[in-house]
Each structure stands twice: as C-alpha cells, then as structure tokens.
Amino acid sequence: MSCVNMVHISPWAATEALFAGSSRLLCAGHPLILYGPYFEDDVEPASSNVAFDQSLRGRNPEWGIREVSQLDAVAQRHGLEKTARYEMPANNLTLVFRRR
C-alpha cells in the first residue's frame, strides 16, 4: 500500500487512520510506503521545508510537515515498524513501514 503526499496535507487524525487501516488490511510483512516531506530529529530541516510547513499551517492549522518520530510512534501502536528510509529529490523521503 502506498500513500504519496497525504500526511502533511491532512489532519493528524487522517494519518492515525491510515496506520490503523493499514494494520487491519496488510498481511504480515507487507509494506505501507509513505512519500513526502518529513522532519527528522537531529537533522537540520531544509529552509524550503520550513517555509512549506509554515505555508501549510497558515492554510489549515491541522496540516503540516510531520516528524518521523511521530510516525514511528503511531506505527508502533498499530503493529507496524519502519524498515527503510530513502532520501528523495526536493527534500522528500520515502519511508517503508511493515506490519509485524
């Protein structure tokens, strides 16, 4: 299952629902693949991502670039774990979570 450019342009509840639904629908070992901009602990964010985050939050306070650590936590609660992280163009990441 893949989800492209949704997590930052939706309320946090939508991300929680994405992980909850993936936990119910995916067979063990199958991936949930996320693509988009994310902030990471101990990684200086690109100025373009900071500006994009501010723009998103200005349009809707429930939107915004999410912290990877937030995604890891919600994944854990729903029986998924991050198994891969890939740097992509334009300061984006591909994150792969798998159902345990």
PDB file of N, CA and C in Angstrom:
ATOM      1  N   MET A   1       0.859  -1.154   0.000  1.00  0.00           N
ATOM      2  CA  MET A   1       0.000   0.000   0.000  1.00  0.00           C
ATOM      3  C   MET A   1       0.910   1.223   0.000  1.00  0.00           C
ATOM      4  N   SER A   2       0.601   2.191  -0.809  1.00  0.00           N
ATOM      5  CA  SER A   2       1.421   3.404  -0.829  1.00  0.00           C
ATOM      6  C   SER A   2       0.538   4.637  -0.645  1.00  0.00           C
ATOM      7  N   CYS A   3       1.159   5.654  -0.069  1.00  0.00           N
ATOM      8  CA  CYS A   3       0.469   6.909   0.216  1.00  0.00           C
ATOM      9  C   CYS A   3       1.442   8.043  -0.107  1.00  0.00           C
ATOM     10  N   VAL A   4       1.122   8.820  -1.110  1.00  0.00           N
ATOM     11  CA  VAL A   4       2.024   9.858  -1.601  1.00  0.00           C
ATOM     12  C   VAL A   4       1.453  11.238  -1.281  1.00  0.00           C
ATOM     13  N   ASN A   5       2.273  12.057  -0.619  1.00  0.00           N
ATOM     14  CA  ASN A   5       1.932  13.464  -0.354  1.00  0.00           C
ATOM     15  C   ASN A   5       0.564  13.662   0.302  1.00  0.00           C
ATOM     16  N   MET A   6       0.252  12.836   1.287  1.00  0.00           N
ATOM     17  CA  MET A   6      -1.006  12.996   2.015  1.00  0.00           C
ATOM     18  C   MET A   6      -0.782  13.446   3.451  1.00  0.00           C
ATOM     19  N   VAL A   7       0.222  12.889   4.100  1.00  0.00           N
ATOM     20  CA  VAL A   7       0.384  13.042   5.546  1.00  0.00           C
ATOM     21  C   VAL A   7       0.498  14.509   5.954  1.00  0.00           C
ATOM     22  N   HIS A   8       1.152  15.325   5.163  1.00  0.00           N
ATOM     23  CA  HIS A   8       1.337  16.735   5.519  1.00  0.00           C
ATOM     24  C   HIS A   8       0.154  17.621   5.115  1.00  0.00           C
ATOM     25  N   ILE A   9      -0.706  17.130   4.223  1.00  0.00           N
ATOM     26  CA  ILE A   9      -1.842  17.937   3.756  1.00  0.00           C
ATOM     27  C   ILE A   9      -3.146  17.290   4.223  1.00  0.00           C
ATOM     28  N   SER A  10      -3.164  16.940   5.501  1.00  0.00           N
ATOM     29  CA  SER A  10      -4.364  16.375   6.122  1.00  0.00           C
ATOM     30  C   SER A  10      -4.208  16.484   7.632  1.00  0.00           C
ATOM     31  N   PRO A  11      -5.306  16.433   8.359  1.00  0.00           N
ATOM     32  CA  PRO A  11      -5.208  16.452   9.818  1.00  0.00           C
ATOM     33  C   PRO A  11      -4.479  15.205  10.328  1.00  0.00           C
ATOM     34  N   TRP A  12      -3.889  15.317  11.517  1.00  0.00           N
ATOM     35  CA  TRP A  12      -3.161  14.187  12.105  1.00  0.00           C
ATOM     36  C   TRP A  12      -4.071  12.965  12.226  1.00  0.00           C
ATOM     37  N   ALA A  13      -5.359  13.166  12.472  1.00  0.00           N
ATOM     38  CA  ALA A  13      -6.298  12.044  12.592  1.00  0.00           C
ATOM     39  C   ALA A  13      -6.313  11.189  11.325  1.00  0.00           C
ATOM     40  N   ALA A  14      -6.094  11.787  10.166  1.00  0.00           N
ATOM     41  CA  ALA A  14      -6.050  11.028   8.913  1.00  0.00           C
ATOM     42  C   ALA A  14      -4.832  10.108   8.882  1.00  0.00           C
ATOM     43  N   THR A  15      -3.705  10.573   9.413  1.00  0.00           N
ATOM     44  CA  THR A  15      -2.503   9.737   9.476  1.00  0.00           C
ATOM     45  C   THR A  15      -2.727   8.579  10.436  1.00  0.00           C
ATOM     46  N   GLU A  16      -3.332   8.873  11.579  1.00  0.00           N
ATOM     47  CA  GLU A  16      -3.645   7.798  12.531  1.00  0.00           C
ATOM     48  C   GLU A  16      -4.550   6.760  11.867  1.00  0.00           C
ATOM     49  N   ALA A  17      -5.551   7.213  11.129  1.00  0.00           N
ATOM     50  CA  ALA A  17      -6.466   6.297  10.448  1.00  0.00           C
ATOM     51  C   ALA A  17      -5.750   5.505   9.354  1.00  0.00           C
ATOM     52  N   LEU A  18      -4.801   6.135   8.667  1.00  0.00           N
ATOM     53  CA  LEU A  18      -4.018   5.435   7.649  1.00  0.00           C
ATOM     54  C   LEU A  18      -3.277   4.253   8.267  1.00  0.00           C
ATOM     55  N   PHE A  19      -2.635   4.476   9.402  1.00  0.00           N
ATOM     56  CA  PHE A  19      -1.898   3.394  10.054  1.00  0.00           C
ATOM     57  C   PHE A  19      -2.848   2.341  10.630  1.00  0.00           C
ATOM     58  N   ALA A  20      -3.955   2.773  11.203  1.00  0.00           N
ATOM     59  CA  ALA A  20      -4.926   1.819  11.747  1.00  0.00           C
ATOM     60  C   ALA A  20      -5.486   0.934  10.631  1.00  0.00           C
ATOM     61  N   GLY A  21      -5.860   1.546   9.524  1.00  0.00           N
ATOM     62  CA  GLY A  21      -6.384   0.784   8.395  1.00  0.00           C
ATOM     63  C   GLY A  21      -5.348  -0.141   7.789  1.00  0.00           C
ATOM     64  N   SER A  22      -4.113   0.334   7.688  1.00  0.00           N
ATOM     65  CA  SER A  22      -3.033  -0.499   7.149  1.00  0.00           C
ATOM     66  C   SER A  22      -2.805  -1.712   8.030  1.00  0.00           C
ATOM     67  N   SER A  23      -2.888  -1.514   9.327  1.00  0.00           N
ATOM     68  CA  SER A  23      -2.709  -2.616  10.264  1.00  0.00           C
ATOM     69  C   SER A  23      -3.776  -3.688  10.057  1.00  0.00           C
ATOM     70  N   ARG A  24      -4.986  -3.269   9.756  1.00  0.00           N
ATOM     71  CA  ARG A  24      -6.078  -4.221   9.532  1.00  0.00           C
ATOM     72  C   ARG A  24      -5.997  -4.887   8.160  1.00  0.00           C
ATOM     73  N   LEU A  25      -5.549  -4.147   7.147  1.00  0.00           N
ATOM     74  CA  LEU A  25      -5.620  -4.639   5.771  1.00  0.00           C
ATOM     75  C   LEU A  25      -4.370  -5.362   5.279  1.00  0.00           C
ATOM     76  N   LEU A  26      -3.210  -4.972   5.781  1.00  0.00           N
ATOM     77  CA  LEU A  26      -1.968  -5.560   5.285  1.00  0.00           C
ATOM     78  C   LEU A  26      -1.688  -6.907   5.947  1.00  0.00           C
ATOM     79  N   CYS A  27      -1.188  -7.841   5.167  1.00  0.00           N
ATOM     80  CA  CYS A  27      -0.708  -9.105   5.722  1.00  0.00           C
ATOM     81  C   CYS A  27       0.648  -8.858   6.371  1.00  0.00           C
ATOM     82  N   ALA A  28       1.027  -9.717   7.289  1.00  0.00           N
ATOM     83  CA  ALA A  28       2.318  -9.584   7.966  1.00  0.00           C
ATOM     84  C   ALA A  28       3.441  -9.469   6.935  1.00  0.00           C
ATOM     85  N   GLY A  29       4.333  -8.515   7.155  1.00  0.00           N
ATOM     86  CA  GLY A  29       5.475  -8.308   6.272  1.00  0.00           C
ATOM     87  C   GLY A  29       5.209  -7.407   5.083  1.00  0.00           C
ATOM     88  N   HIS A  30       3.951  -7.128   4.789  1.00  0.00           N
ATOM     89  CA  HIS A  30       3.637  -6.284   3.633  1.00  0.00           C
ATOM     90  C   HIS A  30       3.817  -4.811   3.991  1.00  0.00           C
ATOM     91  N   PRO A  31       4.190  -3.991   2.986  1.00  0.00           N
ATOM     92  CA  PRO A  31       4.575  -2.609   3.288  1.00  0.00           C
ATOM     93  C   PRO A  31       3.461  -1.572   3.178  1.00  0.00           C
ATOM     94  N   LEU A  32       3.628  -0.563   3.996  1.00  0.00           N
ATOM     95  CA  LEU A  32       2.955   0.725   3.835  1.00  0.00           C
ATOM     96  C   LEU A  32       4.074   1.684   3.461  1.00  0.00           C
ATOM     97  N   ILE A  33       4.005   2.261   2.272  1.00  0.00           N
ATOM     98  CA  ILE A  33       5.065   3.124   1.759  1.00  0.00           C
ATOM     99  C   ILE A  33       4.553   4.561   1.740  1.00  0.00           C
ATOM    100  N   LEU A  34       5.265   5.432   2.451  1.00  0.00           N
ATOM    101  CA  LEU A  34       4.906   6.849   2.506  1.00  0.00           C
ATOM    102  C   LEU A  34       5.959   7.668   1.776  1.00  0.00           C
ATOM    103  N   TYR A  35       5.511   8.676   1.054  1.00  0.00           N
ATOM    104  CA  TYR A  35       6.414   9.587   0.349  1.00  0.00           C
ATOM    105  C   TYR A  35       5.973  11.006   0.642  1.00  0.00           C
ATOM    106  N   GLY A  36       6.939  11.858   0.928  1.00  0.00           N
ATOM    107  CA  GLY A  36       6.635  13.268   1.134  1.00  0.00           C
ATOM    108  C   GLY A  36       7.698  13.932   1.973  1.00  0.00           C
ATOM    109  N   PRO A  37       7.459  15.178   2.367  1.00  0.00           N
ATOM    110  CA  PRO A  37       8.408  15.886   3.224  1.00  0.00           C
ATOM    111  C   PRO A  37       8.167  15.507   4.687  1.00  0.00           C
ATOM    112  N   TYR A  38       9.243  15.310   5.405  1.00  0.00           N
ATOM    113  CA  TYR A  38       9.164  14.982   6.833  1.00  0.00           C
ATOM    114  C   TYR A  38      10.301  15.680   7.552  1.00  0.00           C
ATOM    115  N   PHE A  39      10.088  15.989   8.822  1.00  0.00           N
ATOM    116  CA  PHE A  39      11.157  16.488   9.685  1.00  0.00           C
ATOM    117  C   PHE A  39      11.714  15.309  10.468  1.00  0.00           C
ATOM    118  N   GLU A  40      13.025  15.355  10.736  1.00  0.00           N
ATOM    119  CA  GLU A  40      13.676  14.290  11.492  1.00  0.00           C
ATOM    120  C   GLU A  40      14.457  14.880  12.652  1.00  0.00           C
ATOM    121  N   ASP A  41      14.447  14.170  13.781  1.00  0.00           N
ATOM    122  CA  ASP A  41      15.254  14.574  14.925  1.00  0.00           C
ATOM    123  C   ASP A  41      16.718  14.624  14.506  1.00  0.00           C
ATOM    124  N   ASP A  42      17.433  15.593  14.995  1.00  0.00           N
ATOM    125  CA  ASP A  42      18.876  15.727  14.766  1.00  0.00           C
ATOM    126  C   ASP A  42      19.264  15.942  13.305  1.00  0.00           C
ATOM    127  N   VAL A  43      18.309  16.321  12.460  1.00  0.00           N
ATOM    128  CA  VAL A  43      18.604  16.646  11.061  1.00  0.00           C
ATOM    129  C   VAL A  43      18.094  18.063  10.816  1.00  0.00           C
ATOM    130  N   GLU A  44      18.989  18.944  10.419  1.00  0.00           N
ATOM    131  CA  GLU A  44      18.610  20.333  10.128  1.00  0.00           C
ATOM    132  C   GLU A  44      17.640  20.343   8.946  1.00  0.00           C
ATOM    133  N   PRO A  45      16.439  20.880   9.130  1.00  0.00           N
ATOM    134  CA  PRO A  45      15.484  20.883   8.016  1.00  0.00           C
ATOM    135  C   PRO A  45      15.901  21.873   6.929  1.00  0.00           C
ATOM    136  N   ALA A  46      15.582  21.528   5.709  1.00  0.00           N
ATOM    137  CA  ALA A  46      15.827  22.438   4.595  1.00  0.00           C
ATOM    138  C   ALA A  46      14.956  23.677   4.777  1.00  0.00           C
ATOM    139  N   SER A  47      15.493  24.834   4.456  1.00  0.00           N
ATOM    140  CA  SER A  47      14.725  26.074   4.612  1.00  0.00           C
ATOM    141  C   SER A  47      13.442  26.036   3.781  1.00  0.00           C
ATOM    142  N   SER A  48      13.486  25.364   2.635  1.00  0.00           N
ATOM    143  CA  SER A  48      12.278  25.260   1.806  1.00  0.00           C
ATOM    144  C   SER A  48      11.197  24.435   2.510  1.00  0.00           C
ATOM    145  N   ASN A  49      11.592  23.411   3.267  1.00  0.00           N
ATOM    146  CA  ASN A  49      10.604  22.620   4.007  1.00  0.00           C
ATOM    147  C   ASN A  49      10.026  23.408   5.178  1.00  0.00           C
ATOM    148  N   VAL A  50      10.854  24.216   5.837  1.00  0.00           N
ATOM    149  CA  VAL A  50      10.362  25.061   6.929  1.00  0.00           C
ATOM    150  C   VAL A  50       9.331  26.047   6.378  1.00  0.00           C
ATOM    151  N   ALA A  51       9.645  26.677   5.249  1.00  0.00           N
ATOM    152  CA  ALA A  51       8.709  27.627   4.630  1.00  0.00           C
ATOM    153  C   ALA A  51       7.430  26.919   4.177  1.00  0.00           C
ATOM    154  N   PHE A  52       7.571  25.730   3.613  1.00  0.00           N
ATOM    155  CA  PHE A  52       6.406  24.961   3.168  1.00  0.00           C
ATOM    156  C   PHE A  52       5.524  24.602   4.363  1.00  0.00           C
ATOM    157  N   ASP A  53       6.136  24.189   5.468  1.00  0.00           N
ATOM    158  CA  ASP A  53       5.390  23.858   6.682  1.00  0.00           C
ATOM    159  C   ASP A  53       4.601  25.069   7.175  1.00  0.00           C
ATOM    160  N   GLN A  54       5.238  26.228   7.194  1.00  0.00           N
ATOM    161  CA  GLN A  54       4.555  27.450   7.633  1.00  0.00           C
ATOM    162  C   GLN A  54       3.385  27.787   6.706  1.00  0.00           C
ATOM    163  N   SER A  55       3.593  27.594   5.418  1.00  0.00           N
ATOM    164  CA  SER A  55       2.533  27.848   4.444  1.00  0.00           C
ATOM    165  C   SER A  55       1.347  26.905   4.665  1.00  0.00           C
ATOM    166  N   LEU A  56       1.641  25.625   4.874  1.00  0.00           N
ATOM    167  CA  LEU A  56       0.574  24.651   5.115  1.00  0.00           C
ATOM    168  C   LEU A  56      -0.225  25.004   6.362  1.00  0.00           C
ATOM    169  N   ARG A  57       0.482  25.303   7.457  1.00  0.00           N
ATOM    170  CA  ARG A  57      -0.183  25.612   8.725  1.00  0.00           C
ATOM    171  C   ARG A  57      -0.974  26.921   8.636  1.00  0.00           C
ATOM    172  N   GLY A  58      -0.521  27.833   7.752  1.00  0.00           N
ATOM    173  CA  GLY A  58      -1.268  29.064   7.526  1.00  0.00           C
ATOM    174  C   GLY A  58      -2.589  28.814   6.815  1.00  0.00           C
ATOM    175  N   ARG A  59      -2.612  27.804   5.956  1.00  0.00           N
ATOM    176  CA  ARG A  59      -3.840  27.449   5.240  1.00  0.00           C
ATOM    177  C   ARG A  59      -4.799  26.643   6.111  1.00  0.00           C
ATOM    178  N   ASN A  60      -4.213  25.779   6.941  1.00  0.00           N
ATOM    179  CA  ASN A  60      -5.027  24.944   7.831  1.00  0.00           C
ATOM    180  C   ASN A  60      -4.147  24.531   9.005  1.00  0.00           C
ATOM    181  N   PRO A  61      -4.467  24.944  10.220  1.00  0.00           N
ATOM    182  CA  PRO A  61      -3.617  24.643  11.375  1.00  0.00           C
ATOM    183  C   PRO A  61      -3.469  23.150  11.671  1.00  0.00           C
ATOM    184  N   GLU A  62      -4.334  22.314  11.088  1.00  0.00           N
ATOM    185  CA  GLU A  62      -4.215  20.868  11.296  1.00  0.00           C
ATOM    186  C   GLU A  62      -3.266  20.215  10.299  1.00  0.00           C
ATOM    187  N   TRP A  63      -2.790  20.968   9.330  1.00  0.00           N
ATOM    188  CA  TRP A  63      -1.844  20.450   8.348  1.00  0.00           C
ATOM    189  C   TRP A  63      -0.428  20.761   8.804  1.00  0.00           C
ATOM    190  N   GLY A  64       0.549  20.154   8.145  1.00  0.00           N
ATOM    191  CA  GLY A  64       1.942  20.485   8.407  1.00  0.00           C
ATOM    192  C   GLY A  64       2.849  19.287   8.219  1.00  0.00           C
ATOM    193  N   ILE A  65       4.110  19.571   7.991  1.00  0.00           N
ATOM    194  CA  ILE A  65       5.108  18.513   7.849  1.00  0.00           C
ATOM    195  C   ILE A  65       5.246  17.805   9.191  1.00  0.00           C
ATOM    196  N   ARG A  66       5.201  16.495   9.164  1.00  0.00           N
ATOM    197  CA  ARG A  66       5.233  15.685  10.386  1.00  0.00           C
ATOM    198  C   ARG A  66       6.656  15.242  10.717  1.00  0.00           C
ATOM    199  N   GLU A  67       6.860  14.984  11.985  1.00  0.00           N
ATOM    200  CA  GLU A  67       8.124  14.430  12.466  1.00  0.00           C
ATOM    201  C   GLU A  67       8.115  12.920  12.226  1.00  0.00           C
ATOM    202  N   VAL A  68       9.231  12.390  11.733  1.00  0.00           N
ATOM    203  CA  VAL A  68       9.335  10.947  11.534  1.00  0.00           C
ATOM    204  C   VAL A  68       9.102  10.218  12.858  1.00  0.00           C
ATOM    205  N   SER A  69       9.569  10.789  13.951  1.00  0.00           N
ATOM    206  CA  SER A  69       9.369  10.142  15.258  1.00  0.00           C
ATOM    207  C   SER A  69       7.880  10.004  15.591  1.00  0.00           C
ATOM    208  N   GLN A  70       7.044  10.958  15.155  1.00  0.00           N
ATOM    209  CA  GLN A  70       5.592  10.845  15.357  1.00  0.00           C
ATOM    210  C   GLN A  70       5.038   9.658  14.569  1.00  0.00           C
ATOM    211  N   LEU A  71       5.531   9.502  13.341  1.00  0.00           N
ATOM    212  CA  LEU A  71       5.076   8.390  12.508  1.00  0.00           C
ATOM    213  C   LEU A  71       5.524   7.064  13.101  1.00  0.00           C
ATOM    214  N   ASP A  72       6.759   7.012  13.601  1.00  0.00           N
ATOM    215  CA  ASP A  72       7.257   5.790  14.228  1.00  0.00           C
ATOM    216  C   ASP A  72       6.375   5.393  15.409  1.00  0.00           C
ATOM    217  N   ALA A  73       5.972   6.376  16.208  1.00  0.00           N
ATOM    218  CA  ALA A  73       5.155   6.098  17.392  1.00  0.00           C
ATOM    219  C   ALA A  73       3.773   5.573  17.010  1.00  0.00           C
ATOM    220  N   VAL A  74       3.127   6.208  16.040  1.00  0.00           N
ATOM    221  CA  VAL A  74       1.797   5.738  15.639  1.00  0.00           C
ATOM    222  C   VAL A  74       1.910   4.376  14.959  1.00  0.00           C
ATOM    223  N   ALA A  75       2.975   4.146  14.219  1.00  0.00           N
ATOM    224  CA  ALA A  75       3.191   2.835  13.599  1.00  0.00           C
ATOM    225  C   ALA A  75       3.290   1.751  14.673  1.00  0.00           C
ATOM    226  N   GLN A  76       4.086   2.008  15.695  1.00  0.00           N
ATOM    227  CA  GLN A  76       4.241   1.042  16.792  1.00  0.00           C
ATOM    228  C   GLN A  76       2.893   0.703  17.421  1.00  0.00           C
ATOM    229  N   ARG A  77       2.088   1.721  17.664  1.00  0.00           N
ATOM    230  CA  ARG A  77       0.773   1.496  18.288  1.00  0.00           C
ATOM    231  C   ARG A  77      -0.124   0.604  17.439  1.00  0.00           C
ATOM    232  N   HIS A  78       0.134   0.585  16.135  1.00  0.00           N
ATOM    233  CA  HIS A  78      -0.715  -0.190  15.232  1.00  0.00           C
ATOM    234  C   HIS A  78      -0.014  -1.422  14.666  1.00  0.00           C
ATOM    235  N   GLY A  79       1.076  -1.832  15.294  1.00  0.00           N
ATOM    236  CA  GLY A  79       1.722  -3.081  14.904  1.00  0.00           C
ATOM    237  C   GLY A  79       2.551  -3.014  13.639  1.00  0.00           C
ATOM    238  N   LEU A  80       3.031  -1.811  13.295  1.00  0.00           N
ATOM    239  CA  LEU A  80       3.921  -1.666  12.142  1.00  0.00           C
ATOM    240  C   LEU A  80       5.265  -1.139  12.616  1.00  0.00           C
ATOM    241  N   GLU A  81       6.305  -1.399  11.841  1.00  0.00           N
ATOM    242  CA  GLU A  81       7.618  -0.850  12.164  1.00  0.00           C
ATOM    243  C   GLU A  81       8.289  -0.343  10.895  1.00  0.00           C
ATOM    244  N   LYS A  82       9.071   0.725  11.060  1.00  0.00           N
ATOM    245  CA  LYS A  82       9.784   1.291   9.908  1.00  0.00           C
ATOM    246  C   LYS A  82      10.945   0.367   9.572  1.00  0.00           C
ATOM    247  N   THR A  83      11.016  -0.040   8.304  1.00  0.00           N
ATOM    248  CA  THR A  83      12.076  -0.944   7.867  1.00  0.00           C
ATOM    249  C   THR A  83      13.021  -0.304   6.860  1.00  0.00           C
ATOM    250  N   ALA A  84      12.664   0.861   6.336  1.00  0.00           N
ATOM    251  CA  ALA A  84      13.549   1.525   5.375  1.00  0.00           C
ATOM    252  C   ALA A  84      13.239   3.015   5.320  1.00  0.00           C
ATOM    253  N   ARG A  85      14.276   3.763   4.971  1.00  0.00           N
ATOM    254  CA  ARG A  85      14.189   5.222   4.807  1.00  0.00           C
ATOM    255  C   ARG A  85      15.064   5.584   3.616  1.00  0.00           C
ATOM    256  N   TYR A  86      14.500   6.277   2.646  1.00  0.00           N
ATOM    257  CA  TYR A  86      15.242   6.666   1.448  1.00  0.00           C
ATOM    258  C   TYR A  86      15.125   8.170   1.240  1.00  0.00           C
ATOM    259  N   GLU A  87      16.247   8.823   1.024  1.00  0.00           N
ATOM    260  CA  GLU A  87      16.228  10.243   0.672  1.00  0.00           C
ATOM    261  C   GLU A  87      15.838  10.372  -0.790  1.00  0.00           C
ATOM    262  N   MET A  88      14.972  11.346  -1.059  1.00  0.00           N
ATOM    263  CA  MET A  88      14.443  11.550  -2.396  1.00  0.00           C
ATOM    264  C   MET A  88      14.702  12.993  -2.823  1.00  0.00           C
ATOM    265  N   PRO A  89      14.458  13.311  -4.095  1.00  0.00           N
ATOM    266  CA  PRO A  89      14.641  14.692  -4.553  1.00  0.00           C
ATOM    267  C   PRO A  89      13.734  15.670  -3.802  1.00  0.00           C
ATOM    268  N   ALA A  90      14.119  16.922  -3.853  1.00  0.00           N
ATOM    269  CA  ALA A  90      13.336  18.043  -3.308  1.00  0.00           C
ATOM    270  C   ALA A  90      13.067  17.899  -1.814  1.00  0.00           C
ATOM    271  N   ASN A  91      14.054  17.370  -1.082  1.00  0.00           N
ATOM    272  CA  ASN A  91      13.967  17.250   0.383  1.00  0.00           C
ATOM    273  C   ASN A  91      12.813  16.377   0.855  1.00  0.00           C
ATOM    274  N   ASN A  92      12.457  15.386   0.071  1.00  0.00           N
ATOM    275  CA  ASN A  92      11.425  14.428   0.445  1.00  0.00           C
ATOM    276  C   ASN A  92      12.065  13.125   0.903  1.00  0.00           C
ATOM    277  N   LEU A  93      11.263  12.296   1.546  1.00  0.00           N
ATOM    278  CA  LEU A  93      11.702  10.972   1.979  1.00  0.00           C
ATOM    279  C   LEU A  93      10.682   9.935   1.537  1.00  0.00           C
ATOM    280  N   THR A  94      11.155   8.727   1.318  1.00  0.00           N
ATOM    281  CA  THR A  94      10.288   7.564   1.218  1.00  0.00           C
ATOM    282  C   THR A  94      10.529   6.753   2.480  1.00  0.00           C
ATOM    283  N   LEU A  95       9.455   6.461   3.194  1.00  0.00           N
ATOM    284  CA  LEU A  95       9.517   5.676   4.423  1.00  0.00           C
ATOM    285  C   LEU A  95       8.720   4.400   4.208  1.00  0.00           C
ATOM    286  N   VAL A  96       9.308   3.271   4.587  1.00  0.00           N
ATOM    287  CA  VAL A  96       8.644   1.981   4.433  1.00  0.00           C
ATOM    288  C   VAL A  96       8.372   1.408   5.820  1.00  0.00           C
ATOM    289  N   PHE A  97       7.107   1.146   6.092  1.00  0.00           N
ATOM    290  CA  PHE A  97       6.681   0.506   7.333  1.00  0.00           C
ATOM    291  C   PHE A  97       6.118  -0.861   6.964  1.00  0.00           C
ATOM    292  N   ARG A  98       6.371  -1.839   7.805  1.00  0.00           N
ATOM    293  CA  ARG A  98       5.840  -3.180   7.550  1.00  0.00           C
ATOM    294  C   ARG A  98       5.046  -3.664   8.758  1.00  0.00           C
ATOM    295  N   ARG A  99       3.988  -4.368   8.447  1.00  0.00           N
ATOM    296  CA  ARG A  99       3.185  -4.959   9.519  1.00  0.00           C
ATOM    297  C   ARG A  99       3.960  -6.123  10.113  1.00  0.00           C
ATOM    298  N   ARG A 100       4.003  -6.149  11.441  1.00  0.00           N
ATOM    299  CA  ARG A 100       4.707  -7.249  12.126  1.00  0.00           C
ATOM    300  C   ARG A 100       3.855  -8.486  12.131  1.00  0.00           C
TER     301      ARG A 100
END
